[in-house]
Amino acid sequence: MKRRSLILAAAAAIALAPMARAQDSGTLQQVKASGELRIGVASAEPWFFKDPMTETWTGVGVAMGERMAEELGVKMVPVETSWANAVAGLQANQFDIMFVLDPTEERKKAIDFPENPLFYYAMGALVSDKSEAATWADLDTAGTRIGVTLGTSLDRNVTEMMTSAEISRFSSNDEAIAAFASGRVDAVVQFHPALVVQYSRLKLGKVLLPTPVNPVATSAGMRKEADPAFKDWVNGTFGALYAAGVPDELFGAYLKGKNIDPADIPGLEKEAW
């Protein structure tokens, strides 16, 4: 029994080691010491995309991670997670930051966010090309099946908005789109940049920005810690990159890589909408 207790204690110490390191030093110090900026990645184009053949991650979030890692003179390392587990992953020090994570009040209780936004997007819906819906109220009708991605801010928003429609939750954006393609849901609600990419691959239905259209500021989550150095650095960097149009530039480059012309697509700067 004594030996078993020692083994269990050792296992617990190993499991808690990442959290202990985060408590011993701030994230910025940890990143510089390790030479790595670890970013959480979860399947959702155009933010994060994993090539099934090479298992290489690309996307706007990955490109942003590379840009910020370059600023620090370190290597960017993607760490796979899910949207539902992103907060827990940050708390457990599995990665240092996760981009395109909306600063909801619930998340703010558990993790930290910079004051400056990363960029902006709007809620959209992929609907049948025969749909006459123009507003969110038009979609919130009995018998209408709405698909959303579990654990996202859209999940929360749709749940609050939709009182009559039937809501189905999926583990990823791709699964929600597959449900639309197979006729298991009548509409999929995602942010407009993601829907543009999904539609370009699917060639089915149409992308709708139901009214009222409201810009949504997205951000990046990080651990809560006493040392504000990392949060302050991220905040300043976000402000400078947004002012220079970098997020929109990265979005446009990703669309071109998918053979999508970004000219007529709303970008990530609300001032240009």
C-alpha atoms as a PDB file:
ATOM      1  CA  MET A   1       0.000   0.000   0.000  1.00  0.00           C
ATOM      2  CA  LYS A   2       2.842   2.341   0.859  1.00  0.00           C
ATOM      3  CA  ARG A   3       4.530   1.689  -2.483  1.00  0.00           C
ATOM      4  CA  ARG A   4       1.211   2.231  -4.303  1.00  0.00           C
ATOM      5  CA  SER A   5       0.775   5.564  -2.519  1.00  0.00           C
ATOM      6  CA  LEU A   6       4.241   6.666  -3.610  1.00  0.00           C
ATOM      7  CA  ILE A   7       3.485   5.736  -7.227  1.00  0.00           C
ATOM      8  CA  LEU A   8       0.202   7.677  -7.146  1.00  0.00           C
ATOM      9  CA  ALA A   9       1.941  10.671  -5.594  1.00  0.00           C
ATOM     10  CA  ALA A  10       4.607  10.611  -8.300  1.00  0.00           C
ATOM     11  CA  ALA A  11       1.973  10.393 -11.041  1.00  0.00           C
ATOM     12  CA  ALA A  12       0.104  13.341  -9.549  1.00  0.00           C
ATOM     13  CA  ALA A  13       3.300  15.385  -9.388  1.00  0.00           C
ATOM     14  CA  ILE A  14       3.972  14.715 -13.092  1.00  0.00           C
ATOM     15  CA  ALA A  15       0.411  15.698 -14.045  1.00  0.00           C
ATOM     16  CA  LEU A  16       0.625  18.940 -12.084  1.00  0.00           C
ATOM     17  CA  ALA A  17       4.103  19.864 -13.302  1.00  0.00           C
ATOM     18  CA  PRO A  18       2.922  22.138 -16.160  1.00  0.00           C
ATOM     19  CA  MET A  19       0.659  24.065 -13.762  1.00  0.00           C
ATOM     20  CA  ALA A  20       3.481  24.398 -11.264  1.00  0.00           C
ATOM     21  CA  ARG A  21       5.794  25.837 -13.920  1.00  0.00           C
ATOM     22  CA  ALA A  22       3.137  28.417 -14.853  1.00  0.00           C
ATOM     23  CA  GLN A  23       2.814  29.436 -11.203  1.00  0.00           C
ATOM     24  CA  ASP A  24       6.586  29.654 -10.702  1.00  0.00           C
ATOM     25  CA  SER A  25       7.103  32.095 -13.586  1.00  0.00           C
ATOM     26  CA  GLY A  26       4.952  34.249 -15.820  1.00  0.00           C
ATOM     27  CA  THR A  27       4.014  33.071 -19.304  1.00  0.00           C
ATOM     28  CA  LEU A  28       6.277  35.575 -21.076  1.00  0.00           C
ATOM     29  CA  GLN A  29       9.291  34.404 -19.055  1.00  0.00           C
ATOM     30  CA  GLN A  30       8.334  30.783 -19.680  1.00  0.00           C
ATOM     31  CA  VAL A  31       8.019  31.339 -23.442  1.00  0.00           C
ATOM     32  CA  LYS A  32      11.413  33.021 -23.678  1.00  0.00           C
ATOM     33  CA  ALA A  33      13.063  30.338 -21.543  1.00  0.00           C
ATOM     34  CA  SER A  34      11.616  27.465 -23.607  1.00  0.00           C
ATOM     35  CA  GLY A  35      12.054  29.183 -26.969  1.00  0.00           C
ATOM     36  CA  GLU A  36       8.478  28.203 -27.872  1.00  0.00           C
ATOM     37  CA  LEU A  37       5.137  29.979 -28.108  1.00  0.00           C
ATOM     38  CA  ARG A  38       2.528  27.225 -27.844  1.00  0.00           C
ATOM     39  CA  ILE A  39      -0.816  28.082 -29.441  1.00  0.00           C
ATOM     40  CA  GLY A  40      -4.030  26.104 -29.056  1.00  0.00           C
ATOM     41  CA  VAL A  41      -5.486  24.955 -32.381  1.00  0.00           C
ATOM     42  CA  ALA A  42      -8.929  23.457 -33.054  1.00  0.00           C
ATOM     43  CA  SER A  43     -10.348  22.538 -36.448  1.00  0.00           C
ATOM     44  CA  ALA A  44     -12.283  25.533 -37.816  1.00  0.00           C
ATOM     45  CA  GLU A  45     -11.453  27.191 -41.125  1.00  0.00           C
ATOM     46  CA  PRO A  46     -10.257  29.804 -41.869  1.00  0.00           C
ATOM     47  CA  TRP A  47      -8.765  30.087 -38.374  1.00  0.00           C
ATOM     48  CA  PHE A  48      -7.220  26.625 -38.057  1.00  0.00           C
ATOM     49  CA  PHE A  49      -6.943  23.888 -40.683  1.00  0.00           C
ATOM     50  CA  LYS A  50      -5.068  20.588 -40.388  1.00  0.00           C
ATOM     51  CA  ASP A  51      -4.021  19.004 -43.675  1.00  0.00           C
ATOM     52  CA  PRO A  52      -5.056  15.340 -43.390  1.00  0.00           C
ATOM     53  CA  MET A  53      -2.102  14.219 -45.514  1.00  0.00           C
ATOM     54  CA  THR A  54       0.763  16.192 -43.951  1.00  0.00           C
ATOM     55  CA  GLU A  55      -0.901  16.911 -40.575  1.00  0.00           C
ATOM     56  CA  THR A  56       0.376  20.477 -40.958  1.00  0.00           C
ATOM     57  CA  TRP A  57      -1.692  23.276 -39.413  1.00  0.00           C
ATOM     58  CA  THR A  58      -2.449  26.450 -41.382  1.00  0.00           C
ATOM     59  CA  GLY A  59      -5.013  29.245 -41.091  1.00  0.00           C
ATOM     60  CA  VAL A  60      -5.339  32.829 -39.912  1.00  0.00           C
ATOM     61  CA  GLY A  61      -4.809  31.839 -36.265  1.00  0.00           C
ATOM     62  CA  VAL A  62      -1.693  29.853 -37.125  1.00  0.00           C
ATOM     63  CA  ALA A  63      -0.307  32.712 -39.234  1.00  0.00           C
ATOM     64  CA  MET A  64      -0.979  35.111 -36.352  1.00  0.00           C
ATOM     65  CA  GLY A  65       0.843  32.757 -33.991  1.00  0.00           C
ATOM     66  CA  GLU A  66       3.827  32.657 -36.330  1.00  0.00           C
ATOM     67  CA  ARG A  67       3.853  36.447 -36.564  1.00  0.00           C
ATOM     68  CA  MET A  68       3.787  36.870 -32.783  1.00  0.00           C
ATOM     69  CA  ALA A  69       6.362  34.136 -32.194  1.00  0.00           C
ATOM     70  CA  GLU A  70       8.626  35.958 -34.647  1.00  0.00           C
ATOM     71  CA  GLU A  71       8.192  39.141 -32.607  1.00  0.00           C
ATOM     72  CA  LEU A  72       9.488  37.266 -29.560  1.00  0.00           C
ATOM     73  CA  GLY A  73      12.242  35.473 -31.443  1.00  0.00           C
ATOM     74  CA  VAL A  74      10.847  32.033 -30.579  1.00  0.00           C
ATOM     75  CA  LYS A  75       9.300  29.074 -32.422  1.00  0.00           C
ATOM     76  CA  MET A  76       5.532  28.749 -32.809  1.00  0.00           C
ATOM     77  CA  VAL A  77       4.240  25.317 -31.739  1.00  0.00           C
ATOM     78  CA  PRO A  78       0.611  24.271 -32.427  1.00  0.00           C
ATOM     79  CA  VAL A  79      -1.069  22.203 -29.701  1.00  0.00           C
ATOM     80  CA  GLU A  80      -4.268  20.445 -30.751  1.00  0.00           C
ATOM     81  CA  THR A  81      -7.356  20.979 -28.593  1.00  0.00           C
ATOM     82  CA  SER A  82     -11.090  21.602 -29.067  1.00  0.00           C
ATOM     83  CA  TRP A  83     -13.207  24.710 -28.580  1.00  0.00           C
ATOM     84  CA  ALA A  84     -14.983  23.105 -25.647  1.00  0.00           C
ATOM     85  CA  ASN A  85     -11.656  22.244 -23.937  1.00  0.00           C
ATOM     86  CA  ALA A  86      -9.758  25.431 -24.795  1.00  0.00           C
ATOM     87  CA  VAL A  87     -10.235  27.102 -21.410  1.00  0.00           C
ATOM     88  CA  ALA A  88      -9.215  23.984 -19.482  1.00  0.00           C
ATOM     89  CA  GLY A  89      -6.176  23.567 -21.730  1.00  0.00           C
ATOM     90  CA  LEU A  90      -5.002  27.100 -20.970  1.00  0.00           C
ATOM     91  CA  GLN A  91      -5.550  26.637 -17.243  1.00  0.00           C
ATOM     92  CA  ALA A  92      -3.552  23.398 -17.293  1.00  0.00           C
ATOM     93  CA  ASN A  93      -0.668  25.101 -19.149  1.00  0.00           C
ATOM     94  CA  GLN A  94      -1.023  22.805 -22.151  1.00  0.00           C
ATOM     95  CA  PHE A  95      -0.524  25.874 -24.367  1.00  0.00           C
ATOM     96  CA  ASP A  96       0.167  29.582 -23.815  1.00  0.00           C
ATOM     97  CA  ILE A  97      -2.473  31.316 -25.909  1.00  0.00           C
ATOM     98  CA  MET A  98      -5.412  30.526 -28.169  1.00  0.00           C
ATOM     99  CA  PHE A  99      -6.433  32.916 -30.913  1.00  0.00           C
ATOM    100  CA  VAL A 100      -9.986  33.581 -32.132  1.00  0.00           C
ATOM    101  CA  LEU A 101     -11.408  32.898 -28.684  1.00  0.00           C
ATOM    102  CA  ASP A 102     -14.238  35.307 -27.882  1.00  0.00           C
ATOM    103  CA  PRO A 103     -14.020  37.045 -24.479  1.00  0.00           C
ATOM    104  CA  THR A 104     -17.379  35.979 -23.052  1.00  0.00           C
ATOM    105  CA  GLU A 105     -18.227  36.817 -19.458  1.00  0.00           C
ATOM    106  CA  GLU A 106     -18.145  33.125 -18.555  1.00  0.00           C
ATOM    107  CA  ARG A 107     -14.665  32.668 -20.008  1.00  0.00           C
ATOM    108  CA  LYS A 108     -13.396  35.815 -18.302  1.00  0.00           C
ATOM    109  CA  LYS A 109     -14.072  34.168 -14.951  1.00  0.00           C
ATOM    110  CA  ALA A 110     -11.593  31.409 -15.786  1.00  0.00           C
ATOM    111  CA  ILE A 111      -8.967  32.901 -18.124  1.00  0.00           C
ATOM    112  CA  ASP A 112      -7.604  36.294 -19.170  1.00  0.00           C
ATOM    113  CA  PHE A 113      -7.984  38.388 -22.328  1.00  0.00           C
ATOM    114  CA  PRO A 114      -6.201  41.521 -23.615  1.00  0.00           C
ATOM    115  CA  GLU A 115      -8.150  44.759 -23.897  1.00  0.00           C
ATOM    116  CA  ASN A 116      -7.458  45.226 -27.615  1.00  0.00           C
ATOM    117  CA  PRO A 117      -9.424  42.924 -29.956  1.00  0.00           C
ATOM    118  CA  LEU A 118      -7.711  40.588 -32.392  1.00  0.00           C
ATOM    119  CA  PHE A 119     -10.187  41.484 -35.156  1.00  0.00           C
ATOM    120  CA  TYR A 120     -13.949  41.534 -35.893  1.00  0.00           C
ATOM    121  CA  TYR A 121     -16.490  39.304 -37.612  1.00  0.00           C
ATOM    122  CA  ALA A 122     -20.265  38.918 -37.832  1.00  0.00           C
ATOM    123  CA  MET A 123     -22.662  36.037 -37.246  1.00  0.00           C
ATOM    124  CA  GLY A 124     -23.863  34.478 -40.475  1.00  0.00           C
ATOM    125  CA  ALA A 125     -25.933  31.511 -41.602  1.00  0.00           C
ATOM    126  CA  LEU A 126     -25.558  28.962 -44.367  1.00  0.00           C
ATOM    127  CA  VAL A 127     -29.082  28.252 -45.610  1.00  0.00           C
ATOM    128  CA  SER A 128     -30.801  26.598 -48.548  1.00  0.00           C
ATOM    129  CA  ASP A 129     -30.595  28.573 -51.771  1.00  0.00           C
ATOM    130  CA  LYS A 130     -34.409  28.510 -51.717  1.00  0.00           C
ATOM    131  CA  SER A 131     -34.604  30.089 -48.266  1.00  0.00           C
ATOM    132  CA  GLU A 132     -36.331  33.475 -48.063  1.00  0.00           C
ATOM    133  CA  ALA A 133     -35.003  34.232 -44.574  1.00  0.00           C
ATOM    134  CA  ALA A 134     -33.528  37.703 -44.125  1.00  0.00           C
ATOM    135  CA  THR A 135     -33.549  38.180 -40.357  1.00  0.00           C
ATOM    136  CA  TRP A 136     -32.680  36.095 -37.305  1.00  0.00           C
ATOM    137  CA  ALA A 137     -36.379  36.062 -36.461  1.00  0.00           C
ATOM    138  CA  ASP A 138     -37.074  34.416 -39.823  1.00  0.00           C
ATOM    139  CA  LEU A 139     -34.833  31.511 -38.824  1.00  0.00           C
ATOM    140  CA  ASP A 140     -36.265  31.178 -35.324  1.00  0.00           C
ATOM    141  CA  THR A 141     -39.358  29.222 -36.289  1.00  0.00           C
ATOM    142  CA  ALA A 142     -40.789  25.926 -35.129  1.00  0.00           C
ATOM    143  CA  GLY A 143     -39.478  23.070 -37.247  1.00  0.00           C
ATOM    144  CA  THR A 144     -36.321  24.907 -38.342  1.00  0.00           C
ATOM    145  CA  ARG A 145     -33.189  22.942 -37.414  1.00  0.00           C
ATOM    146  CA  ILE A 146     -30.144  25.089 -36.613  1.00  0.00           C
ATOM    147  CA  GLY A 147     -26.619  23.631 -36.384  1.00  0.00           C
ATOM    148  CA  VAL A 148     -23.865  25.215 -34.255  1.00  0.00           C
ATOM    149  CA  THR A 149     -20.444  24.183 -32.966  1.00  0.00           C
ATOM    150  CA  LEU A 150     -20.461  23.049 -29.349  1.00  0.00           C
ATOM    151  CA  GLY A 151     -18.629  25.235 -26.830  1.00  0.00           C
ATOM    152  CA  THR A 152     -18.282  28.305 -29.057  1.00  0.00           C
ATOM    153  CA  SER A 153     -19.662  31.764 -28.344  1.00  0.00           C
ATOM    154  CA  LEU A 154     -22.054  31.132 -31.242  1.00  0.00           C
ATOM    155  CA  ASP A 155     -23.486  28.215 -29.306  1.00  0.00           C
ATOM    156  CA  ARG A 156     -24.271  30.616 -26.467  1.00  0.00           C
ATOM    157  CA  ASN A 157     -25.590  33.340 -28.780  1.00  0.00           C
ATOM    158  CA  VAL A 158     -27.890  31.029 -30.721  1.00  0.00           C
ATOM    159  CA  THR A 159     -29.183  29.440 -27.522  1.00  0.00           C
ATOM    160  CA  GLU A 160     -30.102  32.888 -26.192  1.00  0.00           C
ATOM    161  CA  MET A 161     -31.610  34.113 -29.484  1.00  0.00           C
ATOM    162  CA  MET A 162     -33.496  31.064 -30.689  1.00  0.00           C
ATOM    163  CA  THR A 163     -36.569  30.135 -28.670  1.00  0.00           C
ATOM    164  CA  SER A 164     -38.589  28.260 -31.293  1.00  0.00           C
ATOM    165  CA  ALA A 165     -36.023  26.647 -33.612  1.00  0.00           C
ATOM    166  CA  GLU A 166     -34.453  23.261 -32.839  1.00  0.00           C
ATOM    167  CA  ILE A 167     -30.729  23.584 -32.047  1.00  0.00           C
ATOM    168  CA  SER A 168     -28.264  20.785 -32.824  1.00  0.00           C
ATOM    169  CA  ARG A 169     -24.698  20.993 -31.491  1.00  0.00           C
ATOM    170  CA  PHE A 170     -21.646  19.494 -33.188  1.00  0.00           C
ATOM    171  CA  SER A 171     -18.055  19.008 -32.054  1.00  0.00           C
ATOM    172  CA  SER A 172     -16.556  20.966 -34.970  1.00  0.00           C
ATOM    173  CA  ASN A 173     -17.496  23.390 -37.760  1.00  0.00           C
ATOM    174  CA  ASP A 174     -16.914  20.640 -40.323  1.00  0.00           C
ATOM    175  CA  GLU A 175     -19.378  18.304 -38.597  1.00  0.00           C
ATOM    176  CA  ALA A 176     -22.027  21.033 -38.571  1.00  0.00           C
ATOM    177  CA  ILE A 177     -21.510  21.654 -42.299  1.00  0.00           C
ATOM    178  CA  ALA A 178     -21.692  17.902 -43.005  1.00  0.00           C
ATOM    179  CA  ALA A 179     -25.051  17.828 -41.226  1.00  0.00           C
ATOM    180  CA  PHE A 180     -26.278  20.634 -43.493  1.00  0.00           C
ATOM    181  CA  ALA A 181     -25.027  18.845 -46.604  1.00  0.00           C
ATOM    182  CA  SER A 182     -26.844  15.661 -45.598  1.00  0.00           C
ATOM    183  CA  GLY A 183     -30.077  17.512 -44.776  1.00  0.00           C
ATOM    184  CA  ARG A 184     -29.959  16.847 -41.035  1.00  0.00           C
ATOM    185  CA  VAL A 185     -30.117  20.596 -40.299  1.00  0.00           C
ATOM    186  CA  ASP A 186     -31.695  23.433 -42.264  1.00  0.00           C
ATOM    187  CA  ALA A 187     -29.101  26.077 -41.442  1.00  0.00           C
ATOM    188  CA  VAL A 188     -25.641  26.350 -39.893  1.00  0.00           C
ATOM    189  CA  VAL A 189     -24.695  29.413 -37.869  1.00  0.00           C
ATOM    190  CA  GLN A 190     -21.019  30.360 -37.901  1.00  0.00           C
ATOM    191  CA  PHE A 191     -19.079  33.584 -38.230  1.00  0.00           C
ATOM    192  CA  HIS A 192     -19.026  34.903 -41.781  1.00  0.00           C
ATOM    193  CA  PRO A 193     -15.347  34.195 -42.625  1.00  0.00           C
ATOM    194  CA  ALA A 194     -15.774  30.517 -41.724  1.00  0.00           C
ATOM    195  CA  LEU A 195     -18.979  30.255 -43.741  1.00  0.00           C
ATOM    196  CA  VAL A 196     -17.309  31.733 -46.823  1.00  0.00           C
ATOM    197  CA  VAL A 197     -14.639  29.021 -46.750  1.00  0.00           C
ATOM    198  CA  GLN A 198     -17.180  26.280 -46.076  1.00  0.00           C
ATOM    199  CA  TYR A 199     -19.431  27.426 -48.909  1.00  0.00           C
ATOM    200  CA  SER A 200     -16.517  27.559 -51.356  1.00  0.00           C
ATOM    201  CA  ARG A 201     -15.896  23.864 -50.730  1.00  0.00           C
ATOM    202  CA  LEU A 202     -19.519  22.760 -50.507  1.00  0.00           C
ATOM    203  CA  LYS A 203     -21.058  24.753 -53.383  1.00  0.00           C
ATOM    204  CA  LEU A 204     -24.424  24.220 -51.735  1.00  0.00           C
ATOM    205  CA  GLY A 205     -26.930  26.745 -50.368  1.00  0.00           C
ATOM    206  CA  LYS A 206     -26.088  30.391 -49.806  1.00  0.00           C
ATOM    207  CA  VAL A 207     -24.384  32.504 -47.136  1.00  0.00           C
ATOM    208  CA  LEU A 208     -26.702  34.934 -45.371  1.00  0.00           C
ATOM    209  CA  LEU A 209     -25.892  37.753 -42.947  1.00  0.00           C
ATOM    210  CA  PRO A 210     -29.247  37.951 -41.135  1.00  0.00           C
ATOM    211  CA  THR A 211     -30.224  41.307 -39.701  1.00  0.00           C
ATOM    212  CA  PRO A 212     -29.515  42.866 -37.361  1.00  0.00           C
ATOM    213  CA  VAL A 213     -25.824  42.521 -38.244  1.00  0.00           C
ATOM    214  CA  ASN A 214     -23.564  43.317 -35.305  1.00  0.00           C
ATOM    215  CA  PRO A 215     -19.741  43.301 -35.363  1.00  0.00           C
ATOM    216  CA  VAL A 216     -18.293  40.840 -32.859  1.00  0.00           C
ATOM    217  CA  ALA A 217     -14.838  41.435 -31.449  1.00  0.00           C
ATOM    218  CA  THR A 218     -12.773  38.291 -31.067  1.00  0.00           C
ATOM    219  CA  SER A 219      -9.625  37.991 -29.002  1.00  0.00           C
ATOM    220  CA  ALA A 220      -7.169  35.457 -27.577  1.00  0.00           C
ATOM    221  CA  GLY A 221      -7.343  33.629 -24.281  1.00  0.00           C
ATOM    222  CA  MET A 222      -4.450  33.156 -21.856  1.00  0.00           C
ATOM    223  CA  ARG A 223      -3.938  32.018 -18.283  1.00  0.00           C
ATOM    224  CA  LYS A 224      -4.741  34.275 -15.368  1.00  0.00           C
ATOM    225  CA  GLU A 225      -1.506  35.089 -13.548  1.00  0.00           C
ATOM    226  CA  ALA A 226      -0.065  37.693 -11.188  1.00  0.00           C
ATOM    227  CA  ASP A 227       2.612  38.805 -13.659  1.00  0.00           C
ATOM    228  CA  PRO A 228       0.914  41.013 -16.304  1.00  0.00           C
ATOM    229  CA  ALA A 229       3.908  41.004 -18.687  1.00  0.00           C
ATOM    230  CA  PHE A 230       2.477  38.514 -21.212  1.00  0.00           C
ATOM    231  CA  LYS A 231      -1.006  40.035 -21.234  1.00  0.00           C
ATOM    232  CA  ASP A 232       0.432  43.532 -21.662  1.00  0.00           C
ATOM    233  CA  TRP A 233       2.654  42.370 -24.520  1.00  0.00           C
ATOM    234  CA  VAL A 234      -0.250  40.626 -26.292  1.00  0.00           C
ATOM    235  CA  ASN A 235      -2.468  43.687 -25.810  1.00  0.00           C
ATOM    236  CA  GLY A 236       0.093  46.054 -27.329  1.00  0.00           C
ATOM    237  CA  THR A 237       0.888  43.687 -30.178  1.00  0.00           C
ATOM    238  CA  PHE A 238      -2.790  43.221 -31.050  1.00  0.00           C
ATOM    239  CA  GLY A 239      -3.302  46.980 -31.175  1.00  0.00           C
ATOM    240  CA  ALA A 240      -0.336  47.500 -33.468  1.00  0.00           C
ATOM    241  CA  LEU A 241      -1.172  44.595 -35.791  1.00  0.00           C
ATOM    242  CA  TYR A 242      -4.834  45.620 -36.160  1.00  0.00           C
ATOM    243  CA  ALA A 243      -3.865  49.236 -36.898  1.00  0.00           C
ATOM    244  CA  ALA A 244      -1.487  47.974 -39.600  1.00  0.00           C
ATOM    245  CA  GLY A 245      -4.207  45.799 -41.163  1.00  0.00           C
ATOM    246  CA  VAL A 246      -2.337  42.559 -40.505  1.00  0.00           C
ATOM    247  CA  PRO A 247      -5.344  40.346 -39.564  1.00  0.00           C
ATOM    248  CA  ASP A 248      -7.125  41.324 -42.795  1.00  0.00           C
ATOM    249  CA  GLU A 249      -3.923  40.711 -44.722  1.00  0.00           C
ATOM    250  CA  LEU A 250      -3.571  37.207 -43.257  1.00  0.00           C
ATOM    251  CA  PHE A 251      -7.250  36.463 -43.976  1.00  0.00           C
ATOM    252  CA  GLY A 252      -6.899  37.584 -47.593  1.00  0.00           C
ATOM    253  CA  ALA A 253      -3.775  35.472 -48.075  1.00  0.00           C
ATOM    254  CA  TYR A 254      -5.547  32.402 -46.691  1.00  0.00           C
ATOM    255  CA  LEU A 255      -8.540  32.894 -48.996  1.00  0.00           C
ATOM    256  CA  LYS A 256      -6.271  33.231 -52.026  1.00  0.00           C
ATOM    257  CA  GLY A 257      -4.561  30.000 -50.984  1.00  0.00           C
ATOM    258  CA  LYS A 258      -7.991  28.349 -51.201  1.00  0.00           C
ATOM    259  CA  ASN A 259      -8.639  29.911 -54.636  1.00  0.00           C
ATOM    260  CA  ILE A 260     -11.198  32.332 -53.186  1.00  0.00           C
ATOM    261  CA  ASP A 261     -11.153  35.958 -54.339  1.00  0.00           C
ATOM    262  CA  PRO A 262     -11.265  38.119 -51.184  1.00  0.00           C
ATOM    263  CA  ALA A 263     -12.178  41.285 -53.109  1.00  0.00           C
ATOM    264  CA  ASP A 264     -15.950  41.076 -52.562  1.00  0.00           C
ATOM    265  CA  ILE A 265     -15.865  39.384 -49.157  1.00  0.00           C
ATOM    266  CA  PRO A 266     -16.201  41.409 -45.924  1.00  0.00           C
ATOM    267  CA  GLY A 267     -12.835  41.368 -44.201  1.00  0.00           C
ATOM    268  CA  LEU A 268     -11.885  41.409 -40.520  1.00  0.00           C
ATOM    269  CA  GLU A 269     -11.871  45.203 -40.050  1.00  0.00           C
ATOM    270  CA  LYS A 270     -15.294  46.512 -39.041  1.00  0.00           C
ATOM    271  CA  GLU A 271     -14.333  50.001 -40.205  1.00  0.00           C
ATOM    272  CA  ALA A 272     -14.288  48.714 -43.804  1.00  0.00           C
ATOM    273  CA  TRP A 273     -17.743  47.101 -43.677  1.00  0.00           C
END
